[in-house]
Structures are given as structure tokens and as C-alpha cells.
Amino acid sequence: MNVILSPMEARVLGCLIEKAVTTPEYYPLTLSALTAACNQKSNRDPIMQADEKEVVRALDSLREKKLASSVALANSRVPKYRHNILDILALTPQQLALLCELVLRGPQTTGELRTHAARMVPFTDTAEVQSILSELAAWEGGALASKFPRLIGQREERYAHRLCGELPDEAKMPQPPLEPVRLAVMAENERIVTLETRLTALGDELERLKTQFRDFVKQFK
């Protein structure tokens, strides 16, 4: 995809994709419903507090990019909005679900994605998720998802969407505070490393003194 979205545009698009699958009976969405979806506290990271003006601006921009449109339904007194991403990208339901989860929840591991995206499309295992992420990363028109390098303390690699352009340098991003128990463990580990270093130094010093003593004794033989 040759367009770059702002974070607000990505949130609006992600919400439209999500609601089309999870609550089709209420889709397309009114402006009020779409704003509420953007500000949900569940299934969102980061949590936003967007107002309707911000959502309208994002919708206008998405319409210019042909990623969203308004519809006038006979039984509705207000316009409703839908996404058009499948007119731009020939995504499978599995690809669309993973991309949607990355947009709404931020970087995730394959295990997290499998769990979170199951509400839209079931996945057999994490290997299937990994395979589909590889397809998104190798998308012909430009990567739709990429892998974050694993940081110190992280056991698994995470993936992020690329609808907003290049991935940020995660090492420079603010990290969530560590749990008190983890801080305690880290402090204990640091003390153990310090003690082991001192013990090794004492062992080396003892061997040096032993050598000096043997050389001293040899002088009297």
C-alpha cells in the first residue's frame, strides 16, 4: 500500500475492520459508534480519548485515500461509515484479522496474535500465524507488517503493522515500568554477579600469593 496513515487514521480504519467482522449487525457504523469504538478500553493499545471532530478528520482523510466511505441507508437518519481496504488490498480473512489486531493493539507476539485474532478468524497454531505474518511482511506493494528486534528481557519476537510507515526504534520508545518483584530479582542477580566476580578475583589473588610463597621458599633450599 502506497499511502501512509496517521495514528488516528489507523485507529479509525482498524475499528471499522474490527466491527465489520465482530458485530456485522451494527455495521456500517455511525459517527457516534465509531468514536466509541476508537475510545474502547478493551482490545486497544494505546487507549485513546478522541472526540468526534478528530474522527471526522480521520474519516475525511481515509476517504481521500479510498480506504473508507460513507453510506446512506434507508432505515438510518444519519450517515454511516465503512472501510474499503479490501478494494485496495486483496487480503484474506486471516491476513485482515492479523493486520487489524496489530493496528488496534500494537506490537504482539505470534501467540498473542493467535489469541486476540481468534475473535475474528480462528488459527490452527502459531505456525500458521507466523506464515501469514511472513506474507504480510513480503507484500508486493510494500511490507504491511514487520518484525521488531527482540529486546533484552524479551523471550519472543514481536510484530507490528506498517500502515503508518517505518517502525519506530523501539529501543528508544518509553517502556512500561517493571513489576516490583522483577526489580527485586534483577537486584539479586546483580548482587550474585558482583559476588562471583569478587570470588574469582580472590581466587586469582590467592593463586598469585601461592606462587610468590613457593618462589620465596625455593630461596632457602
C-alpha atoms as a PDB file:
ATOM      1  CA  MET A   1       0.000   0.000   0.000  1.00  0.00           C
ATOM      2  CA  ASN A   2       1.480   3.279  -1.129  1.00  0.00           C
ATOM      3  CA  VAL A   3      -0.244   5.503   1.459  1.00  0.00           C
ATOM      4  CA  ILE A   4       0.915   6.318   4.969  1.00  0.00           C
ATOM      5  CA  LEU A   5      -1.680   6.684   7.704  1.00  0.00           C
ATOM      6  CA  SER A   6      -1.581   8.811  10.825  1.00  0.00           C
ATOM      7  CA  PRO A   7      -2.149   7.004  14.145  1.00  0.00           C
ATOM      8  CA  MET A   8      -5.702   8.401  14.260  1.00  0.00           C
ATOM      9  CA  GLU A   9      -6.449   7.254  10.726  1.00  0.00           C
ATOM     10  CA  ALA A  10      -5.074   3.808  11.557  1.00  0.00           C
ATOM     11  CA  ARG A  11      -7.263   3.605  14.672  1.00  0.00           C
ATOM     12  CA  VAL A  12     -10.399   4.561  12.720  1.00  0.00           C
ATOM     13  CA  LEU A  13      -9.610   2.096   9.944  1.00  0.00           C
ATOM     14  CA  GLY A  14      -8.847  -0.659  12.440  1.00  0.00           C
ATOM     15  CA  CYS A  15     -12.137  -0.093  14.244  1.00  0.00           C
ATOM     16  CA  LEU A  16     -14.114  -0.239  11.005  1.00  0.00           C
ATOM     17  CA  ILE A  17     -12.418  -3.511  10.066  1.00  0.00           C
ATOM     18  CA  GLU A  18     -12.981  -4.955  13.536  1.00  0.00           C
ATOM     19  CA  LYS A  19     -16.667  -4.065  13.798  1.00  0.00           C
ATOM     20  CA  ALA A  20     -17.410  -5.316  10.273  1.00  0.00           C
ATOM     21  CA  VAL A  21     -16.331  -8.781  11.432  1.00  0.00           C
ATOM     22  CA  THR A  22     -17.249  -8.913  15.122  1.00  0.00           C
ATOM     23  CA  THR A  23     -20.559  -7.004  15.097  1.00  0.00           C
ATOM     24  CA  PRO A  24     -21.848  -7.108  11.500  1.00  0.00           C
ATOM     25  CA  GLU A  25     -25.398  -6.386  12.692  1.00  0.00           C
ATOM     26  CA  TYR A  26     -24.297  -2.857  13.688  1.00  0.00           C
ATOM     27  CA  TYR A  27     -22.082  -2.255  10.649  1.00  0.00           C
ATOM     28  CA  PRO A  28     -21.593   0.210   8.888  1.00  0.00           C
ATOM     29  CA  LEU A  29     -21.017   2.461  11.902  1.00  0.00           C
ATOM     30  CA  THR A  30     -22.465   5.833  12.819  1.00  0.00           C
ATOM     31  CA  LEU A  31     -20.018   8.554  13.790  1.00  0.00           C
ATOM     32  CA  SER A  32     -21.006   8.130  17.430  1.00  0.00           C
ATOM     33  CA  ALA A  33     -20.469   4.362  17.349  1.00  0.00           C
ATOM     34  CA  LEU A  34     -17.158   4.746  15.542  1.00  0.00           C
ATOM     35  CA  THR A  35     -15.907   7.290  18.083  1.00  0.00           C
ATOM     36  CA  ALA A  36     -16.903   4.949  20.916  1.00  0.00           C
ATOM     37  CA  ALA A  37     -15.029   2.115  19.178  1.00  0.00           C
ATOM     38  CA  CYS A  38     -11.903   4.267  18.879  1.00  0.00           C
ATOM     39  CA  ASN A  39     -12.064   5.039  22.609  1.00  0.00           C
ATOM     40  CA  GLN A  40     -12.700   1.486  23.821  1.00  0.00           C
ATOM     41  CA  LYS A  41     -10.655   0.452  26.823  1.00  0.00           C
ATOM     42  CA  SER A  42     -10.683  -3.223  25.814  1.00  0.00           C
ATOM     43  CA  ASN A  43      -8.765  -4.576  22.800  1.00  0.00           C
ATOM     44  CA  ARG A  44      -6.908  -1.270  22.396  1.00  0.00           C
ATOM     45  CA  ASP A  45      -3.310  -0.197  22.888  1.00  0.00           C
ATOM     46  CA  PRO A  46      -2.805   2.652  23.371  1.00  0.00           C
ATOM     47  CA  ILE A  47      -6.114   3.745  24.857  1.00  0.00           C
ATOM     48  CA  MET A  48      -7.353   6.964  23.241  1.00  0.00           C
ATOM     49  CA  GLN A  49      -9.723   9.756  24.127  1.00  0.00           C
ATOM     50  CA  ALA A  50     -10.613  11.011  20.660  1.00  0.00           C
ATOM     51  CA  ASP A  51     -13.544  13.337  20.040  1.00  0.00           C
ATOM     52  CA  GLU A  52     -15.895  13.240  17.065  1.00  0.00           C
ATOM     53  CA  LYS A  53     -14.047  16.057  15.288  1.00  0.00           C
ATOM     54  CA  GLU A  54     -10.836  14.036  15.287  1.00  0.00           C
ATOM     55  CA  VAL A  55     -12.695  11.003  13.967  1.00  0.00           C
ATOM     56  CA  VAL A  56     -14.326  13.077  11.209  1.00  0.00           C
ATOM     57  CA  ARG A  57     -10.947  14.453  10.130  1.00  0.00           C
ATOM     58  CA  ALA A  58      -9.542  10.918  10.027  1.00  0.00           C
ATOM     59  CA  LEU A  59     -12.556   9.702   8.041  1.00  0.00           C
ATOM     60  CA  ASP A  60     -12.174  12.541   5.531  1.00  0.00           C
ATOM     61  CA  SER A  61      -8.524  11.647   5.034  1.00  0.00           C
ATOM     62  CA  LEU A  62      -9.313   7.941   4.700  1.00  0.00           C
ATOM     63  CA  ARG A  63     -11.956   8.730   2.094  1.00  0.00           C
ATOM     64  CA  GLU A  64      -9.413  10.734   0.105  1.00  0.00           C
ATOM     65  CA  LYS A  65      -7.154   7.667   0.260  1.00  0.00           C
ATOM     66  CA  LYS A  66     -10.109   5.483  -0.817  1.00  0.00           C
ATOM     67  CA  LEU A  67      -9.867   3.424   2.367  1.00  0.00           C
ATOM     68  CA  ALA A  68     -13.255   4.437   3.786  1.00  0.00           C
ATOM     69  CA  SER A  69     -16.578   5.753   2.557  1.00  0.00           C
ATOM     70  CA  SER A  70     -19.916   6.960   3.877  1.00  0.00           C
ATOM     71  CA  VAL A  71     -23.189   5.222   3.090  1.00  0.00           C
ATOM     72  CA  ALA A  72     -26.766   6.406   3.410  1.00  0.00           C
ATOM     73  CA  LEU A  73     -29.047   3.590   4.497  1.00  0.00           C
ATOM     74  CA  ALA A  74     -32.788   3.803   4.020  1.00  0.00           C
ATOM     75  CA  ASN A  75     -33.514   2.989   7.666  1.00  0.00           C
ATOM     76  CA  SER A  76     -30.919   5.376   9.107  1.00  0.00           C
ATOM     77  CA  ARG A  77     -31.316   9.083   9.751  1.00  0.00           C
ATOM     78  CA  VAL A  78     -27.542   9.697   9.889  1.00  0.00           C
ATOM     79  CA  PRO A  79     -24.677   8.732   7.592  1.00  0.00           C
ATOM     80  CA  LYS A  80     -22.776   5.570   8.357  1.00  0.00           C
ATOM     81  CA  TYR A  81     -19.195   4.630   7.566  1.00  0.00           C
ATOM     82  CA  ARG A  82     -17.458   1.557   6.215  1.00  0.00           C
ATOM     83  CA  HIS A  83     -13.918   0.583   5.283  1.00  0.00           C
ATOM     84  CA  ASN A  84     -12.778  -0.100   1.713  1.00  0.00           C
ATOM     85  CA  ILE A  85      -9.423  -1.691   2.452  1.00  0.00           C
ATOM     86  CA  LEU A  86     -10.329  -4.869   0.584  1.00  0.00           C
ATOM     87  CA  ASP A  87     -10.803  -2.756  -2.549  1.00  0.00           C
ATOM     88  CA  ILE A  88      -7.162  -1.663  -2.199  1.00  0.00           C
ATOM     89  CA  LEU A  89      -5.540  -4.794  -0.763  1.00  0.00           C
ATOM     90  CA  ALA A  90      -6.542  -8.331  -1.712  1.00  0.00           C
ATOM     91  CA  LEU A  91      -6.270  -9.623   1.844  1.00  0.00           C
ATOM     92  CA  THR A  92      -7.525 -12.994   3.016  1.00  0.00           C
ATOM     93  CA  PRO A  93      -9.684 -13.067   6.176  1.00  0.00           C
ATOM     94  CA  GLN A  94      -6.673 -14.332   8.149  1.00  0.00           C
ATOM     95  CA  GLN A  95      -4.382 -11.590   6.829  1.00  0.00           C
ATOM     96  CA  LEU A  96      -7.010  -8.940   7.520  1.00  0.00           C
ATOM     97  CA  ALA A  97      -7.591 -10.193  11.071  1.00  0.00           C
ATOM     98  CA  LEU A  98      -3.886 -10.124  11.968  1.00  0.00           C
ATOM     99  CA  LEU A  99      -3.389  -6.701  10.417  1.00  0.00           C
ATOM    100  CA  CYS A 100      -6.429  -5.386  12.296  1.00  0.00           C
ATOM    101  CA  GLU A 101      -5.137  -6.712  15.629  1.00  0.00           C
ATOM    102  CA  LEU A 102      -1.721  -5.151  15.061  1.00  0.00           C
ATOM    103  CA  VAL A 103      -3.369  -1.805  14.284  1.00  0.00           C
ATOM    104  CA  LEU A 104      -5.632  -1.884  17.347  1.00  0.00           C
ATOM    105  CA  ARG A 105      -3.329  -3.491  19.927  1.00  0.00           C
ATOM    106  CA  GLY A 106       0.182  -2.571  18.836  1.00  0.00           C
ATOM    107  CA  PRO A 107       3.201  -4.897  18.618  1.00  0.00           C
ATOM    108  CA  GLN A 108       2.481  -8.515  19.605  1.00  0.00           C
ATOM    109  CA  THR A 109       3.991 -11.990  19.576  1.00  0.00           C
ATOM    110  CA  THR A 110       2.605 -14.758  17.393  1.00  0.00           C
ATOM    111  CA  GLY A 111       0.975 -16.330  20.451  1.00  0.00           C
ATOM    112  CA  GLU A 112      -0.724 -13.086  21.438  1.00  0.00           C
ATOM    113  CA  LEU A 113      -1.913 -12.527  17.883  1.00  0.00           C
ATOM    114  CA  ARG A 114      -3.375 -16.016  17.653  1.00  0.00           C
ATOM    115  CA  THR A 115      -5.335 -15.452  20.878  1.00  0.00           C
ATOM    116  CA  HIS A 116      -6.511 -11.930  20.078  1.00  0.00           C
ATOM    117  CA  ALA A 117      -7.403 -12.507  16.416  1.00  0.00           C
ATOM    118  CA  ALA A 118      -9.433 -15.637  17.222  1.00  0.00           C
ATOM    119  CA  ARG A 119     -12.478 -13.425  17.803  1.00  0.00           C
ATOM    120  CA  MET A 120     -12.383 -12.654  14.069  1.00  0.00           C
ATOM    121  CA  VAL A 121     -10.812 -15.728  12.473  1.00  0.00           C
ATOM    122  CA  PRO A 122      -9.594 -18.949  14.135  1.00  0.00           C
ATOM    123  CA  PHE A 123      -5.970 -20.006  13.654  1.00  0.00           C
ATOM    124  CA  THR A 124      -4.727 -23.586  13.907  1.00  0.00           C
ATOM    125  CA  ASP A 125      -1.490 -22.733  15.705  1.00  0.00           C
ATOM    126  CA  THR A 126       1.235 -20.114  15.977  1.00  0.00           C
ATOM    127  CA  ALA A 127       2.985 -21.612  12.941  1.00  0.00           C
ATOM    128  CA  GLU A 128       0.004 -20.565  10.817  1.00  0.00           C
ATOM    129  CA  VAL A 129       0.147 -17.076  12.333  1.00  0.00           C
ATOM    130  CA  GLN A 130       3.872 -16.918  11.578  1.00  0.00           C
ATOM    131  CA  SER A 131       3.275 -17.949   7.973  1.00  0.00           C
ATOM    132  CA  ILE A 132       0.638 -15.256   7.436  1.00  0.00           C
ATOM    133  CA  LEU A 133       2.838 -12.606   9.069  1.00  0.00           C
ATOM    134  CA  SER A 134       5.563 -13.557   6.609  1.00  0.00           C
ATOM    135  CA  GLU A 135       3.077 -12.970   3.766  1.00  0.00           C
ATOM    136  CA  LEU A 136       2.241  -9.517   5.156  1.00  0.00           C
ATOM    137  CA  ALA A 137       5.946  -8.702   5.549  1.00  0.00           C
ATOM    138  CA  ALA A 138       6.617  -9.673   1.926  1.00  0.00           C
ATOM    139  CA  TRP A 139       3.584  -7.832   0.488  1.00  0.00           C
ATOM    140  CA  GLU A 140       4.287  -6.847  -3.108  1.00  0.00           C
ATOM    141  CA  GLY A 141       3.249  -3.210  -2.739  1.00  0.00           C
ATOM    142  CA  GLY A 142       5.341  -2.772   0.425  1.00  0.00           C
ATOM    143  CA  ALA A 143       5.502  -4.522   3.783  1.00  0.00           C
ATOM    144  CA  LEU A 144       2.248  -4.394   5.746  1.00  0.00           C
ATOM    145  CA  ALA A 145       3.899  -5.834   8.870  1.00  0.00           C
ATOM    146  CA  SER A 146       7.435  -6.186  10.171  1.00  0.00           C
ATOM    147  CA  LYS A 147       9.267  -7.883  12.980  1.00  0.00           C
ATOM    148  CA  PHE A 148      10.668  -5.908  15.886  1.00  0.00           C
ATOM    149  CA  PRO A 149      14.165  -6.937  17.009  1.00  0.00           C
ATOM    150  CA  ARG A 150      13.990  -8.771  20.304  1.00  0.00           C
ATOM    151  CA  LEU A 151      14.973  -6.558  23.241  1.00  0.00           C
ATOM    152  CA  ILE A 152      16.847  -7.638  26.363  1.00  0.00           C
ATOM    153  CA  GLY A 153      14.487  -9.466  28.685  1.00  0.00           C
ATOM    154  CA  GLN A 154      12.037 -10.431  25.938  1.00  0.00           C
ATOM    155  CA  ARG A 155      11.693 -14.121  25.167  1.00  0.00           C
ATOM    156  CA  GLU A 156       9.812 -13.787  21.875  1.00  0.00           C
ATOM    157  CA  GLU A 157       9.940 -11.518  18.865  1.00  0.00           C
ATOM    158  CA  ARG A 158       7.009  -9.201  18.245  1.00  0.00           C
ATOM    159  CA  TYR A 159       5.407  -7.918  15.079  1.00  0.00           C
ATOM    160  CA  ALA A 160       3.919  -4.525  14.213  1.00  0.00           C
ATOM    161  CA  HIS A 161       1.907  -3.123  11.311  1.00  0.00           C
ATOM    162  CA  ARG A 162       3.452  -0.799   8.751  1.00  0.00           C
ATOM    163  CA  LEU A 163       0.385   1.214   7.775  1.00  0.00           C
ATOM    164  CA  CYS A 164       1.911   4.253   9.488  1.00  0.00           C
ATOM    165  CA  GLY A 165       5.253   3.865   7.719  1.00  0.00           C
ATOM    166  CA  GLU A 166       8.602   2.805   9.105  1.00  0.00           C
ATOM    167  CA  LEU A 167       8.657   1.165  12.510  1.00  0.00           C
ATOM    168  CA  PRO A 168       9.984   3.355  15.323  1.00  0.00           C
ATOM    169  CA  ASP A 169      13.207   2.472  17.080  1.00  0.00           C
ATOM    170  CA  GLU A 170      11.609   0.512  19.902  1.00  0.00           C
ATOM    171  CA  ALA A 171      14.738   0.738  21.994  1.00  0.00           C
ATOM    172  CA  LYS A 172      14.111   4.494  22.225  1.00  0.00           C
ATOM    173  CA  MET A 173      10.399   4.161  22.980  1.00  0.00           C
ATOM    174  CA  PRO A 174       9.217   4.572  26.575  1.00  0.00           C
ATOM    175  CA  GLN A 175       8.923   1.158  28.204  1.00  0.00           C
ATOM    176  CA  PRO A 176       6.303   0.168  30.796  1.00  0.00           C
ATOM    177  CA  PRO A 177       7.582   0.134  34.392  1.00  0.00           C
ATOM    178  CA  LEU A 178       8.834  -3.205  35.652  1.00  0.00           C
ATOM    179  CA  GLU A 179       6.998  -5.086  38.385  1.00  0.00           C
ATOM    180  CA  PRO A 180       8.488  -4.708  41.905  1.00  0.00           C
ATOM    181  CA  VAL A 181       9.248  -8.440  42.077  1.00  0.00           C
ATOM    182  CA  ARG A 182      11.162  -8.258  38.772  1.00  0.00           C
ATOM    183  CA  LEU A 183      13.182  -5.319  40.072  1.00  0.00           C
ATOM    184  CA  ALA A 184      13.983  -7.361  43.188  1.00  0.00           C
ATOM    185  CA  VAL A 185      15.108 -10.334  41.086  1.00  0.00           C
ATOM    186  CA  MET A 186      17.254  -8.079  38.907  1.00  0.00           C
ATOM    187  CA  ALA A 187      18.883  -6.604  42.026  1.00  0.00           C
ATOM    188  CA  GLU A 188      19.566 -10.098  43.406  1.00  0.00           C
ATOM    189  CA  ASN A 189      21.052 -11.198  40.105  1.00  0.00           C
ATOM    190  CA  GLU A 190      23.297  -8.136  40.080  1.00  0.00           C
ATOM    191  CA  ARG A 191      24.490  -8.920  43.617  1.00  0.00           C
ATOM    192  CA  ILE A 192      25.216 -12.537  42.648  1.00  0.00           C
ATOM    193  CA  VAL A 193      27.231 -11.420  39.617  1.00  0.00           C
ATOM    194  CA  THR A 194      29.181  -8.977  41.807  1.00  0.00           C
ATOM    195  CA  LEU A 195      29.937 -11.693  44.393  1.00  0.00           C
ATOM    196  CA  GLU A 196      31.015 -14.135  41.700  1.00  0.00           C
ATOM    197  CA  THR A 197      33.318 -11.515  40.216  1.00  0.00           C
ATOM    198  CA  ARG A 198      34.869 -10.808  43.627  1.00  0.00           C
ATOM    199  CA  LEU A 199      35.247 -14.530  44.331  1.00  0.00           C
ATOM    200  CA  THR A 200      37.043 -15.028  41.036  1.00  0.00           C
ATOM    201  CA  ALA A 201      39.338 -12.088  41.815  1.00  0.00           C
ATOM    202  CA  LEU A 202      40.113 -13.505  45.282  1.00  0.00           C
ATOM    203  CA  GLY A 203      40.887 -16.892  43.734  1.00  0.00           C
ATOM    204  CA  ASP A 204      43.302 -15.291  41.314  1.00  0.00           C
ATOM    205  CA  GLU A 205      44.932 -13.325  44.139  1.00  0.00           C
ATOM    206  CA  LEU A 206      45.292 -16.494  46.226  1.00  0.00           C
ATOM    207  CA  GLU A 207      46.988 -18.314  43.347  1.00  0.00           C
ATOM    208  CA  ARG A 208      49.351 -15.363  42.910  1.00  0.00           C
ATOM    209  CA  LEU A 209      50.268 -15.430  46.611  1.00  0.00           C
ATOM    210  CA  LYS A 210      50.830 -19.199  46.490  1.00  0.00           C
ATOM    211  CA  THR A 211      53.225 -18.757  43.572  1.00  0.00           C
ATOM    212  CA  GLN A 212      55.101 -15.983  45.407  1.00  0.00           C
ATOM    213  CA  PHE A 213      55.364 -18.117  48.546  1.00  0.00           C
ATOM    214  CA  ARG A 214      56.752 -21.111  46.602  1.00  0.00           C
ATOM    215  CA  ASP A 215      59.326 -18.859  44.956  1.00  0.00           C
ATOM    216  CA  PHE A 216      60.253 -17.453  48.380  1.00  0.00           C
ATOM    217  CA  VAL A 217      60.715 -20.942  49.884  1.00  0.00           C
ATOM    218  CA  LYS A 218      62.943 -22.021  46.980  1.00  0.00           C
ATOM    219  CA  GLN A 219      65.482 -19.378  48.020  1.00  0.00           C
ATOM    220  CA  PHE A 220      66.268 -21.322  51.228  1.00  0.00           C
ATOM    221  CA  LYS A 221      66.659 -24.757  49.687  1.00  0.00           C
END
